[in-house]
N, C-alpha and C. Protein backbone atom coordinates (compact mmCIF):
# COMPACT_ATOMS: atom_id res chain seq x y z
N UNK A 1 -3.07 -12.96 -47.49
CA UNK A 1 -1.71 -12.61 -47.78
C UNK A 1 -0.72 -13.20 -46.79
N UNK A 2 -1.19 -13.57 -45.61
CA UNK A 2 -0.29 -14.07 -44.59
C UNK A 2 0.37 -15.38 -45.02
N UNK A 3 -0.33 -16.18 -45.77
CA UNK A 3 0.20 -17.47 -46.19
C UNK A 3 0.44 -17.48 -47.70
N UNK A 4 0.95 -16.42 -48.22
CA UNK A 4 1.15 -16.31 -49.67
C UNK A 4 2.13 -17.35 -50.18
N UNK A 5 3.20 -17.59 -49.45
CA UNK A 5 4.20 -18.58 -49.86
C UNK A 5 3.60 -19.98 -49.87
N UNK A 6 2.81 -20.28 -48.84
CA UNK A 6 2.17 -21.60 -48.79
C UNK A 6 1.24 -21.80 -49.98
N UNK A 7 0.47 -20.76 -50.31
CA UNK A 7 -0.45 -20.85 -51.44
C UNK A 7 0.31 -21.06 -52.74
N UNK A 8 1.42 -20.35 -52.90
CA UNK A 8 2.22 -20.50 -54.12
C UNK A 8 2.80 -21.91 -54.22
N UNK A 9 3.28 -22.44 -53.10
CA UNK A 9 3.84 -23.79 -53.12
C UNK A 9 2.76 -24.83 -53.42
N UNK A 10 1.55 -24.61 -52.89
CA UNK A 10 0.44 -25.52 -53.18
C UNK A 10 0.06 -25.48 -54.66
N UNK A 11 -0.02 -24.29 -55.22
CA UNK A 11 -0.38 -24.14 -56.63
C UNK A 11 0.68 -24.74 -57.54
N UNK A 12 1.94 -24.61 -57.14
CA UNK A 12 3.02 -25.14 -57.97
C UNK A 12 3.15 -26.65 -57.81
N UNK A 13 2.47 -27.22 -56.80
CA UNK A 13 2.51 -28.66 -56.59
C UNK A 13 3.74 -29.10 -55.80
N UNK A 14 4.44 -28.16 -55.18
CA UNK A 14 5.63 -28.50 -54.41
C UNK A 14 5.31 -28.89 -52.97
N UNK A 15 4.09 -28.64 -52.52
CA UNK A 15 3.67 -29.01 -51.17
C UNK A 15 2.24 -29.51 -51.21
N UNK A 16 1.90 -30.34 -50.26
CA UNK A 16 0.53 -30.86 -50.19
C UNK A 16 -0.21 -30.18 -49.04
N UNK A 17 -1.53 -30.32 -49.05
CA UNK A 17 -2.33 -29.73 -47.98
C UNK A 17 -1.98 -30.35 -46.63
N UNK A 18 -1.70 -31.63 -46.65
CA UNK A 18 -1.34 -32.32 -45.41
C UNK A 18 -0.03 -31.76 -44.85
N UNK A 19 0.94 -31.50 -45.72
CA UNK A 19 2.22 -30.96 -45.28
C UNK A 19 2.03 -29.57 -44.66
N UNK A 20 1.18 -28.74 -45.26
CA UNK A 20 0.89 -27.40 -44.73
C UNK A 20 0.27 -27.51 -43.35
N UNK A 21 -0.70 -28.44 -43.17
CA UNK A 21 -1.33 -28.65 -41.87
C UNK A 21 -0.30 -29.10 -40.84
N UNK A 22 0.59 -29.99 -41.25
CA UNK A 22 1.62 -30.48 -40.33
C UNK A 22 2.54 -29.35 -39.88
N UNK A 23 2.91 -28.49 -40.81
CA UNK A 23 3.79 -27.35 -40.46
C UNK A 23 3.09 -26.41 -39.49
N UNK A 24 1.81 -26.12 -39.73
CA UNK A 24 1.06 -25.25 -38.82
C UNK A 24 0.96 -25.86 -37.43
N UNK A 25 0.69 -27.16 -37.37
CA UNK A 25 0.59 -27.85 -36.09
C UNK A 25 1.93 -27.81 -35.36
N UNK A 26 3.00 -28.05 -36.09
CA UNK A 26 4.33 -28.03 -35.46
C UNK A 26 4.67 -26.64 -34.94
N UNK A 27 4.32 -25.58 -35.70
CA UNK A 27 4.56 -24.21 -35.24
C UNK A 27 3.81 -23.93 -33.95
N UNK A 28 2.56 -24.36 -33.90
CA UNK A 28 1.74 -24.14 -32.70
C UNK A 28 2.33 -24.88 -31.50
N UNK A 29 2.79 -26.11 -31.72
CA UNK A 29 3.41 -26.88 -30.63
C UNK A 29 4.70 -26.23 -30.16
N UNK A 30 5.50 -25.76 -31.10
CA UNK A 30 6.75 -25.10 -30.73
C UNK A 30 6.49 -23.84 -29.91
N UNK A 31 5.46 -23.10 -30.31
CA UNK A 31 5.12 -21.87 -29.60
C UNK A 31 4.68 -22.17 -28.17
N UNK A 32 3.90 -23.26 -28.00
CA UNK A 32 3.43 -23.64 -26.67
C UNK A 32 4.56 -24.12 -25.78
N UNK A 33 5.47 -24.87 -26.36
CA UNK A 33 6.53 -25.46 -25.55
C UNK A 33 7.82 -24.66 -25.63
N UNK A 34 7.69 -23.37 -25.76
CA UNK A 34 8.87 -22.52 -25.83
C UNK A 34 9.65 -22.65 -24.52
N UNK A 35 10.90 -22.99 -24.64
CA UNK A 35 11.74 -23.22 -23.48
C UNK A 35 12.45 -21.94 -23.12
N UNK A 36 12.45 -21.64 -21.80
CA UNK A 36 13.12 -20.44 -21.32
C UNK A 36 14.63 -20.61 -21.44
N UNK A 37 15.33 -19.54 -21.65
CA UNK A 37 16.76 -19.60 -21.91
C UNK A 37 17.61 -19.54 -20.64
N UNK A 38 17.08 -19.99 -19.53
CA UNK A 38 17.87 -20.03 -18.30
C UNK A 38 17.58 -18.88 -17.35
N UNK A 39 16.74 -17.96 -17.75
CA UNK A 39 16.45 -16.83 -16.89
C UNK A 39 15.31 -17.13 -15.92
N UNK A 40 14.80 -18.35 -15.96
CA UNK A 40 13.69 -18.69 -15.06
C UNK A 40 14.15 -18.66 -13.60
N UNK A 41 15.38 -19.04 -13.34
CA UNK A 41 15.90 -18.98 -11.97
C UNK A 41 15.93 -17.53 -11.48
N UNK A 42 16.34 -16.64 -12.36
CA UNK A 42 16.37 -15.22 -12.01
C UNK A 42 14.96 -14.70 -11.76
N UNK A 43 14.02 -15.10 -12.61
CA UNK A 43 12.63 -14.67 -12.45
C UNK A 43 12.05 -15.18 -11.13
N UNK A 44 12.38 -16.41 -10.79
CA UNK A 44 11.90 -16.96 -9.52
C UNK A 44 12.50 -16.22 -8.34
N UNK A 45 13.77 -15.87 -8.47
CA UNK A 45 14.44 -15.13 -7.40
C UNK A 45 13.81 -13.75 -7.21
N UNK A 46 13.53 -13.07 -8.31
CA UNK A 46 12.89 -11.76 -8.24
C UNK A 46 11.48 -11.87 -7.66
N UNK A 47 10.74 -12.90 -8.07
CA UNK A 47 9.39 -13.10 -7.54
C UNK A 47 9.43 -13.38 -6.04
N UNK A 48 10.41 -14.15 -5.62
CA UNK A 48 10.56 -14.45 -4.18
C UNK A 48 10.89 -13.18 -3.40
N UNK A 49 11.77 -12.35 -3.95
CA UNK A 49 12.12 -11.09 -3.29
C UNK A 49 10.90 -10.18 -3.17
N UNK A 50 10.09 -10.11 -4.24
CA UNK A 50 8.89 -9.29 -4.20
C UNK A 50 7.91 -9.82 -3.17
N UNK A 51 7.77 -11.12 -3.10
CA UNK A 51 6.85 -11.72 -2.13
C UNK A 51 7.32 -11.42 -0.70
N UNK A 52 8.62 -11.57 -0.45
CA UNK A 52 9.16 -11.28 0.88
C UNK A 52 8.99 -9.80 1.24
N UNK A 53 9.22 -8.92 0.26
CA UNK A 53 9.06 -7.49 0.50
C UNK A 53 7.60 -7.15 0.81
N UNK A 54 6.67 -7.79 0.08
CA UNK A 54 5.25 -7.55 0.33
C UNK A 54 4.85 -8.02 1.73
N UNK A 55 5.37 -9.18 2.14
CA UNK A 55 5.08 -9.66 3.50
C UNK A 55 5.65 -8.72 4.55
N UNK A 56 6.87 -8.24 4.30
CA UNK A 56 7.50 -7.32 5.24
C UNK A 56 6.71 -6.01 5.34
N UNK A 57 6.28 -5.48 4.18
CA UNK A 57 5.50 -4.24 4.17
C UNK A 57 4.16 -4.43 4.88
N UNK A 58 3.53 -5.59 4.64
CA UNK A 58 2.24 -5.84 5.27
C UNK A 58 2.39 -5.92 6.79
N UNK A 59 3.44 -6.59 7.24
CA UNK A 59 3.68 -6.68 8.68
C UNK A 59 3.94 -5.31 9.29
N UNK A 60 4.72 -4.48 8.58
CA UNK A 60 5.00 -3.13 9.06
C UNK A 60 3.73 -2.30 9.12
N UNK A 61 2.87 -2.41 8.10
CA UNK A 61 1.60 -1.67 8.10
C UNK A 61 0.69 -2.13 9.24
N UNK A 62 0.65 -3.43 9.47
CA UNK A 62 -0.17 -3.93 10.57
C UNK A 62 0.36 -3.43 11.91
N UNK A 63 1.68 -3.39 12.04
CA UNK A 63 2.28 -2.89 13.28
C UNK A 63 1.94 -1.42 13.48
N UNK A 64 2.06 -0.62 12.42
CA UNK A 64 1.71 0.81 12.52
C UNK A 64 0.24 0.98 12.89
N UNK A 65 -0.61 0.17 12.24
CA UNK A 65 -2.04 0.27 12.51
C UNK A 65 -2.34 -0.10 13.97
N UNK A 66 -1.68 -1.14 14.47
CA UNK A 66 -1.90 -1.56 15.86
C UNK A 66 -1.43 -0.48 16.83
N UNK A 67 -0.26 0.11 16.55
CA UNK A 67 0.25 1.17 17.42
C UNK A 67 -0.67 2.38 17.39
N UNK A 68 -1.14 2.73 16.20
CA UNK A 68 -2.02 3.89 16.07
C UNK A 68 -3.37 3.61 16.75
N UNK A 69 -3.84 2.37 16.66
CA UNK A 69 -5.10 2.02 17.31
C UNK A 69 -4.98 2.12 18.82
N UNK A 70 -3.82 1.69 19.32
CA UNK A 70 -3.60 1.78 20.76
C UNK A 70 -3.65 3.22 21.23
N UNK A 71 -3.11 4.09 20.45
CA UNK A 71 -3.09 5.50 20.87
C UNK A 71 -4.38 6.22 20.51
N UNK A 72 -5.28 5.54 19.84
CA UNK A 72 -6.55 6.16 19.48
C UNK A 72 -6.45 7.08 18.28
N UNK A 73 -5.33 7.02 17.57
CA UNK A 73 -5.15 7.91 16.43
C UNK A 73 -6.07 7.56 15.27
N UNK A 74 -6.29 6.29 15.05
CA UNK A 74 -7.12 5.89 13.92
C UNK A 74 -8.55 6.40 14.12
N UNK A 75 -9.06 6.24 15.32
CA UNK A 75 -10.42 6.72 15.60
C UNK A 75 -10.49 8.23 15.42
N UNK A 76 -9.46 8.93 15.91
CA UNK A 76 -9.41 10.37 15.74
C UNK A 76 -9.27 10.77 14.29
N UNK A 77 -8.51 9.97 13.55
CA UNK A 77 -8.34 10.24 12.12
C UNK A 77 -9.66 10.09 11.37
N UNK A 78 -10.43 9.07 11.74
CA UNK A 78 -11.73 8.85 11.09
C UNK A 78 -12.65 10.03 11.34
N UNK A 79 -12.73 10.48 12.57
CA UNK A 79 -13.60 11.63 12.86
C UNK A 79 -13.08 12.89 12.17
N UNK A 80 -11.75 13.01 12.07
CA UNK A 80 -11.19 14.19 11.44
C UNK A 80 -11.51 14.24 9.95
N UNK A 81 -11.33 13.12 9.24
CA UNK A 81 -11.59 13.21 7.81
C UNK A 81 -13.08 13.18 7.48
N UNK A 82 -13.92 12.67 8.37
CA UNK A 82 -15.36 12.77 8.11
C UNK A 82 -15.86 14.19 8.36
N UNK A 83 -15.25 14.88 9.35
CA UNK A 83 -15.68 16.26 9.62
C UNK A 83 -15.10 17.25 8.62
N UNK A 84 -13.83 17.05 8.23
CA UNK A 84 -13.19 18.03 7.36
C UNK A 84 -13.32 17.68 5.88
N UNK A 85 -14.12 16.68 5.56
CA UNK A 85 -14.30 16.30 4.16
C UNK A 85 -15.03 17.40 3.41
N UNK A 86 -14.60 17.62 2.19
CA UNK A 86 -15.22 18.63 1.33
C UNK A 86 -16.48 18.02 0.73
N UNK A 87 -17.54 18.79 0.78
CA UNK A 87 -18.82 18.29 0.28
C UNK A 87 -18.76 18.13 -1.23
N UNK A 88 -19.14 16.96 -1.70
CA UNK A 88 -19.15 16.67 -3.13
C UNK A 88 -20.46 17.20 -3.70
N UNK A 89 -20.40 17.99 -4.78
CA UNK A 89 -21.62 18.53 -5.36
C UNK A 89 -22.56 17.43 -5.86
N UNK A 90 -23.85 17.64 -5.71
CA UNK A 90 -24.81 16.61 -6.11
C UNK A 90 -24.98 16.55 -7.62
N UNK A 91 -24.83 17.67 -8.31
CA UNK A 91 -25.03 17.68 -9.76
C UNK A 91 -23.72 17.91 -10.49
N UNK A 92 -22.70 17.18 -10.13
CA UNK A 92 -21.41 17.32 -10.79
C UNK A 92 -21.39 16.49 -12.07
N UNK A 93 -20.64 16.96 -13.05
CA UNK A 93 -20.63 16.29 -14.35
C UNK A 93 -19.32 15.58 -14.66
N UNK A 94 -18.24 15.92 -13.99
CA UNK A 94 -16.93 15.35 -14.30
C UNK A 94 -16.76 14.05 -13.52
N UNK A 95 -16.49 12.98 -14.26
CA UNK A 95 -16.29 11.69 -13.63
C UNK A 95 -14.79 11.52 -13.35
N UNK A 96 -14.45 11.33 -12.08
CA UNK A 96 -13.05 11.16 -11.68
C UNK A 96 -12.86 9.72 -11.23
N UNK A 97 -11.99 8.98 -11.91
CA UNK A 97 -11.73 7.59 -11.59
C UNK A 97 -10.44 7.49 -10.80
N UNK A 98 -10.44 6.60 -9.82
CA UNK A 98 -9.22 6.30 -9.07
C UNK A 98 -9.23 4.82 -8.71
N UNK A 99 -8.04 4.29 -8.44
CA UNK A 99 -7.94 2.87 -8.12
C UNK A 99 -7.58 2.69 -6.65
N UNK A 100 -8.12 1.63 -6.08
CA UNK A 100 -7.84 1.27 -4.70
C UNK A 100 -7.97 -0.24 -4.60
N UNK A 101 -6.91 -0.92 -4.19
CA UNK A 101 -6.89 -2.38 -4.09
C UNK A 101 -7.28 -3.04 -5.41
N UNK A 102 -6.72 -2.57 -6.48
CA UNK A 102 -6.93 -3.11 -7.83
C UNK A 102 -8.39 -3.03 -8.29
N UNK A 103 -9.14 -2.10 -7.75
CA UNK A 103 -10.51 -1.84 -8.19
C UNK A 103 -10.58 -0.38 -8.61
N UNK A 104 -11.39 -0.11 -9.60
CA UNK A 104 -11.57 1.26 -10.08
C UNK A 104 -12.86 1.81 -9.49
N UNK A 105 -12.74 2.94 -8.83
CA UNK A 105 -13.89 3.63 -8.25
C UNK A 105 -14.09 4.95 -8.98
N UNK A 106 -15.33 5.40 -9.07
CA UNK A 106 -15.66 6.64 -9.74
C UNK A 106 -16.26 7.61 -8.75
N UNK A 107 -16.01 8.88 -9.03
CA UNK A 107 -16.53 9.94 -8.17
C UNK A 107 -16.90 11.10 -9.09
N UNK A 108 -18.12 11.58 -8.99
CA UNK A 108 -18.54 12.72 -9.81
C UNK A 108 -18.26 14.01 -9.06
N UNK A 109 -17.45 14.85 -9.67
CA UNK A 109 -17.05 16.11 -9.06
C UNK A 109 -17.17 17.22 -10.10
N UNK A 110 -16.99 18.46 -9.66
CA UNK A 110 -17.00 19.57 -10.62
C UNK A 110 -15.56 19.87 -11.06
N UNK A 111 -15.44 20.79 -12.00
CA UNK A 111 -14.13 21.08 -12.59
C UNK A 111 -13.16 21.70 -11.59
N UNK A 112 -13.68 22.49 -10.66
CA UNK A 112 -12.82 23.12 -9.66
C UNK A 112 -12.18 22.06 -8.76
N UNK A 113 -13.00 21.11 -8.30
CA UNK A 113 -12.47 20.04 -7.45
C UNK A 113 -11.50 19.14 -8.23
N UNK A 114 -11.80 18.92 -9.51
CA UNK A 114 -10.91 18.12 -10.33
C UNK A 114 -9.55 18.79 -10.45
N UNK A 115 -9.55 20.08 -10.68
CA UNK A 115 -8.29 20.82 -10.79
C UNK A 115 -7.50 20.75 -9.48
N UNK A 116 -8.19 20.87 -8.35
CA UNK A 116 -7.51 20.78 -7.06
C UNK A 116 -6.95 19.38 -6.81
N UNK A 117 -7.68 18.35 -7.24
CA UNK A 117 -7.17 16.99 -7.11
C UNK A 117 -5.92 16.78 -7.95
N UNK A 118 -5.95 17.28 -9.17
CA UNK A 118 -4.83 17.08 -10.08
C UNK A 118 -3.62 17.93 -9.71
N UNK A 119 -3.85 19.04 -9.00
CA UNK A 119 -2.73 19.86 -8.54
C UNK A 119 -2.12 19.31 -7.26
N UNK A 120 -2.84 18.44 -6.59
CA UNK A 120 -2.32 17.86 -5.35
C UNK A 120 -2.78 18.60 -4.12
N UNK A 121 -3.81 19.41 -4.24
CA UNK A 121 -4.32 20.13 -3.08
C UNK A 121 -5.32 19.30 -2.28
N UNK A 122 -5.92 18.30 -2.94
CA UNK A 122 -6.90 17.42 -2.30
C UNK A 122 -6.48 15.97 -2.49
N UNK A 123 -7.06 15.10 -1.69
CA UNK A 123 -6.88 13.67 -1.82
C UNK A 123 -8.21 12.98 -1.59
N UNK A 124 -8.26 11.70 -1.94
CA UNK A 124 -9.49 10.94 -1.75
C UNK A 124 -9.21 9.82 -0.76
N UNK A 125 -10.07 9.73 0.26
CA UNK A 125 -9.99 8.68 1.26
C UNK A 125 -11.27 7.87 1.15
N UNK A 126 -11.15 6.54 1.11
CA UNK A 126 -12.32 5.67 1.02
C UNK A 126 -12.41 4.86 2.31
N UNK A 127 -13.52 5.04 3.01
CA UNK A 127 -13.73 4.35 4.28
C UNK A 127 -15.17 3.88 4.34
N UNK A 128 -15.36 2.59 4.62
CA UNK A 128 -16.69 1.98 4.72
C UNK A 128 -17.54 2.28 3.49
N UNK A 129 -17.02 1.98 2.32
CA UNK A 129 -17.71 2.12 1.03
C UNK A 129 -18.18 3.54 0.73
N UNK A 130 -17.48 4.52 1.26
CA UNK A 130 -17.81 5.91 0.97
C UNK A 130 -16.51 6.67 0.71
N UNK A 131 -16.55 7.54 -0.29
CA UNK A 131 -15.36 8.32 -0.64
C UNK A 131 -15.46 9.71 -0.04
N UNK A 132 -14.33 10.21 0.47
CA UNK A 132 -14.27 11.53 1.08
C UNK A 132 -13.17 12.33 0.38
N UNK A 133 -13.49 13.57 0.01
CA UNK A 133 -12.48 14.50 -0.50
C UNK A 133 -11.91 15.25 0.69
N UNK A 134 -10.61 15.11 0.91
CA UNK A 134 -9.98 15.72 2.07
C UNK A 134 -8.76 16.52 1.64
N UNK A 135 -8.30 17.45 2.47
CA UNK A 135 -7.08 18.19 2.15
C UNK A 135 -5.87 17.24 2.04
N UNK A 136 -4.88 17.68 1.30
CA UNK A 136 -3.72 16.85 0.98
C UNK A 136 -2.98 16.38 2.24
N UNK A 137 -2.78 17.26 3.18
CA UNK A 137 -2.05 16.90 4.41
C UNK A 137 -2.76 15.78 5.17
N UNK A 138 -4.08 15.87 5.24
CA UNK A 138 -4.85 14.85 5.94
C UNK A 138 -4.78 13.52 5.18
N UNK A 139 -4.83 13.57 3.86
CA UNK A 139 -4.71 12.35 3.06
C UNK A 139 -3.34 11.71 3.25
N UNK A 140 -2.30 12.51 3.40
CA UNK A 140 -0.97 11.97 3.66
C UNK A 140 -0.93 11.25 5.01
N UNK A 141 -1.56 11.83 6.02
CA UNK A 141 -1.59 11.19 7.34
C UNK A 141 -2.36 9.88 7.29
N UNK A 142 -3.46 9.86 6.53
CA UNK A 142 -4.23 8.63 6.38
C UNK A 142 -3.37 7.57 5.69
N UNK A 143 -2.62 7.99 4.68
CA UNK A 143 -1.78 7.04 3.95
C UNK A 143 -0.68 6.47 4.85
N UNK A 144 -0.16 7.28 5.76
CA UNK A 144 0.86 6.78 6.68
C UNK A 144 0.30 5.76 7.67
N UNK A 145 -0.86 6.07 8.25
CA UNK A 145 -1.41 5.20 9.27
C UNK A 145 -2.18 4.01 8.69
N UNK A 146 -3.04 4.27 7.72
CA UNK A 146 -3.88 3.22 7.15
C UNK A 146 -3.83 3.34 5.62
N UNK A 147 -2.80 2.79 4.97
CA UNK A 147 -2.64 2.98 3.53
C UNK A 147 -3.76 2.37 2.69
N UNK A 148 -4.47 1.38 3.21
CA UNK A 148 -5.54 0.77 2.43
C UNK A 148 -6.77 1.66 2.32
N UNK A 149 -6.83 2.76 3.03
CA UNK A 149 -7.95 3.69 2.93
C UNK A 149 -7.67 4.81 1.95
N UNK A 150 -6.44 5.07 1.61
CA UNK A 150 -6.09 6.21 0.77
C UNK A 150 -6.33 5.85 -0.69
N UNK A 151 -7.37 6.44 -1.27
CA UNK A 151 -7.74 6.12 -2.64
C UNK A 151 -6.95 6.89 -3.67
N UNK A 152 -6.77 8.18 -3.47
CA UNK A 152 -6.04 8.98 -4.45
C UNK A 152 -5.27 10.05 -3.70
N UNK A 153 -3.99 10.11 -3.99
CA UNK A 153 -3.13 11.13 -3.39
C UNK A 153 -2.06 11.47 -4.40
N UNK A 154 -2.11 12.67 -4.93
CA UNK A 154 -1.15 13.10 -5.92
C UNK A 154 0.15 13.44 -5.22
N UNK A 155 1.22 12.77 -5.65
CA UNK A 155 2.54 13.06 -5.10
C UNK A 155 3.47 13.33 -6.26
N UNK A 156 3.92 14.55 -6.35
CA UNK A 156 4.82 14.91 -7.44
C UNK A 156 6.21 14.42 -7.10
N UNK A 157 6.79 13.70 -8.02
CA UNK A 157 8.14 13.19 -7.84
C UNK A 157 9.11 14.34 -8.12
N UNK A 158 9.79 14.80 -7.06
CA UNK A 158 10.63 15.99 -7.19
C UNK A 158 11.84 15.75 -8.07
N UNK A 159 12.27 14.51 -8.21
CA UNK A 159 13.41 14.24 -9.08
C UNK A 159 13.02 14.39 -10.55
N UNK A 160 11.72 14.22 -10.84
CA UNK A 160 11.26 14.34 -12.22
C UNK A 160 10.62 15.69 -12.51
N UNK A 161 10.46 16.49 -11.49
CA UNK A 161 9.82 17.79 -11.68
C UNK A 161 10.76 18.71 -12.44
N UNK A 162 10.28 19.14 -13.59
CA UNK A 162 11.08 20.03 -14.42
C UNK A 162 10.24 21.27 -14.70
N UNK A 163 10.79 22.41 -14.39
CA UNK A 163 10.10 23.66 -14.63
C UNK A 163 10.62 24.22 -15.95
N UNK A 164 9.72 24.34 -16.90
CA UNK A 164 10.09 24.87 -18.20
C UNK A 164 9.55 26.29 -18.27
N UNK A 165 10.45 27.25 -18.33
CA UNK A 165 10.02 28.65 -18.35
C UNK A 165 9.52 29.07 -19.73
N UNK A 166 10.11 28.55 -20.77
CA UNK A 166 9.75 28.95 -22.13
C UNK A 166 8.88 27.89 -22.79
N UNK A 167 7.91 27.37 -22.06
CA UNK A 167 7.04 26.35 -22.61
C UNK A 167 6.09 26.99 -23.62
N UNK A 168 6.18 26.61 -24.90
CA UNK A 168 5.32 27.24 -25.91
C UNK A 168 3.85 26.83 -25.77
N UNK A 169 3.57 25.75 -25.06
CA UNK A 169 2.20 25.28 -24.93
C UNK A 169 1.59 25.58 -23.56
N UNK A 170 2.21 26.46 -22.81
CA UNK A 170 1.74 26.76 -21.46
C UNK A 170 0.35 27.41 -21.47
N UNK A 171 0.03 28.13 -22.52
CA UNK A 171 -1.25 28.84 -22.57
C UNK A 171 -2.40 27.95 -23.02
N UNK A 172 -2.13 26.73 -23.46
CA UNK A 172 -3.17 25.85 -23.98
C UNK A 172 -3.65 24.89 -22.91
N UNK A 173 -4.96 24.70 -22.85
CA UNK A 173 -5.55 23.79 -21.87
C UNK A 173 -5.52 22.37 -22.42
N UNK A 174 -5.48 21.41 -21.53
CA UNK A 174 -5.50 20.00 -21.93
C UNK A 174 -6.94 19.66 -22.32
N UNK A 175 -7.14 19.02 -23.47
CA UNK A 175 -8.50 18.70 -23.89
C UNK A 175 -9.15 17.67 -22.96
N UNK A 176 -10.48 17.72 -22.88
CA UNK A 176 -11.22 16.84 -21.99
C UNK A 176 -11.13 15.39 -22.40
N UNK A 177 -10.95 15.10 -23.68
CA UNK A 177 -10.97 13.73 -24.12
C UNK A 177 -9.71 12.96 -23.72
N UNK A 178 -8.74 13.65 -23.10
CA UNK A 178 -7.55 12.96 -22.63
C UNK A 178 -7.72 12.42 -21.21
N UNK A 179 -8.80 12.79 -20.56
CA UNK A 179 -9.06 12.30 -19.20
C UNK A 179 -9.69 10.92 -19.31
N UNK A 180 -9.37 10.02 -18.39
CA UNK A 180 -9.93 8.67 -18.48
C UNK A 180 -11.05 8.49 -17.53
């Protein structure tokens, strides 16, 4: 059905198979060589700004890390989150996925820990290929000093937080199939 007009023109003898092939080829060439309407300079400018901001952020993070290392805070932070980490159950059934450095990591936890993670009471810190469930305050400190270790930290955006008192669906639980 996509080429119904072409088929009709072929049947009526108003177009040849070669002409149809030529039109398809020309469409494909036009699509490939689509010319930007002048916004490429703006796109390059935005990309340059993002690159500069990323470099600036990286330098700031390295500076914070160096300062914290000098004061021994990073070493103390490592011992703190390894000692205060919540033990992950061995026979947990709920798979919790989180991203860190554009990679997806999985952690099997129980429903209680999942609820605490989603409420923002816990966070996930990944250090030396191991994930640790830690209290929210400790995860915030890790994110400040070493942001590349903070795997999951729920932060509610207060500008978007809306409390609905008369929510008709407040009594209904979210189905499990909506979790990823």
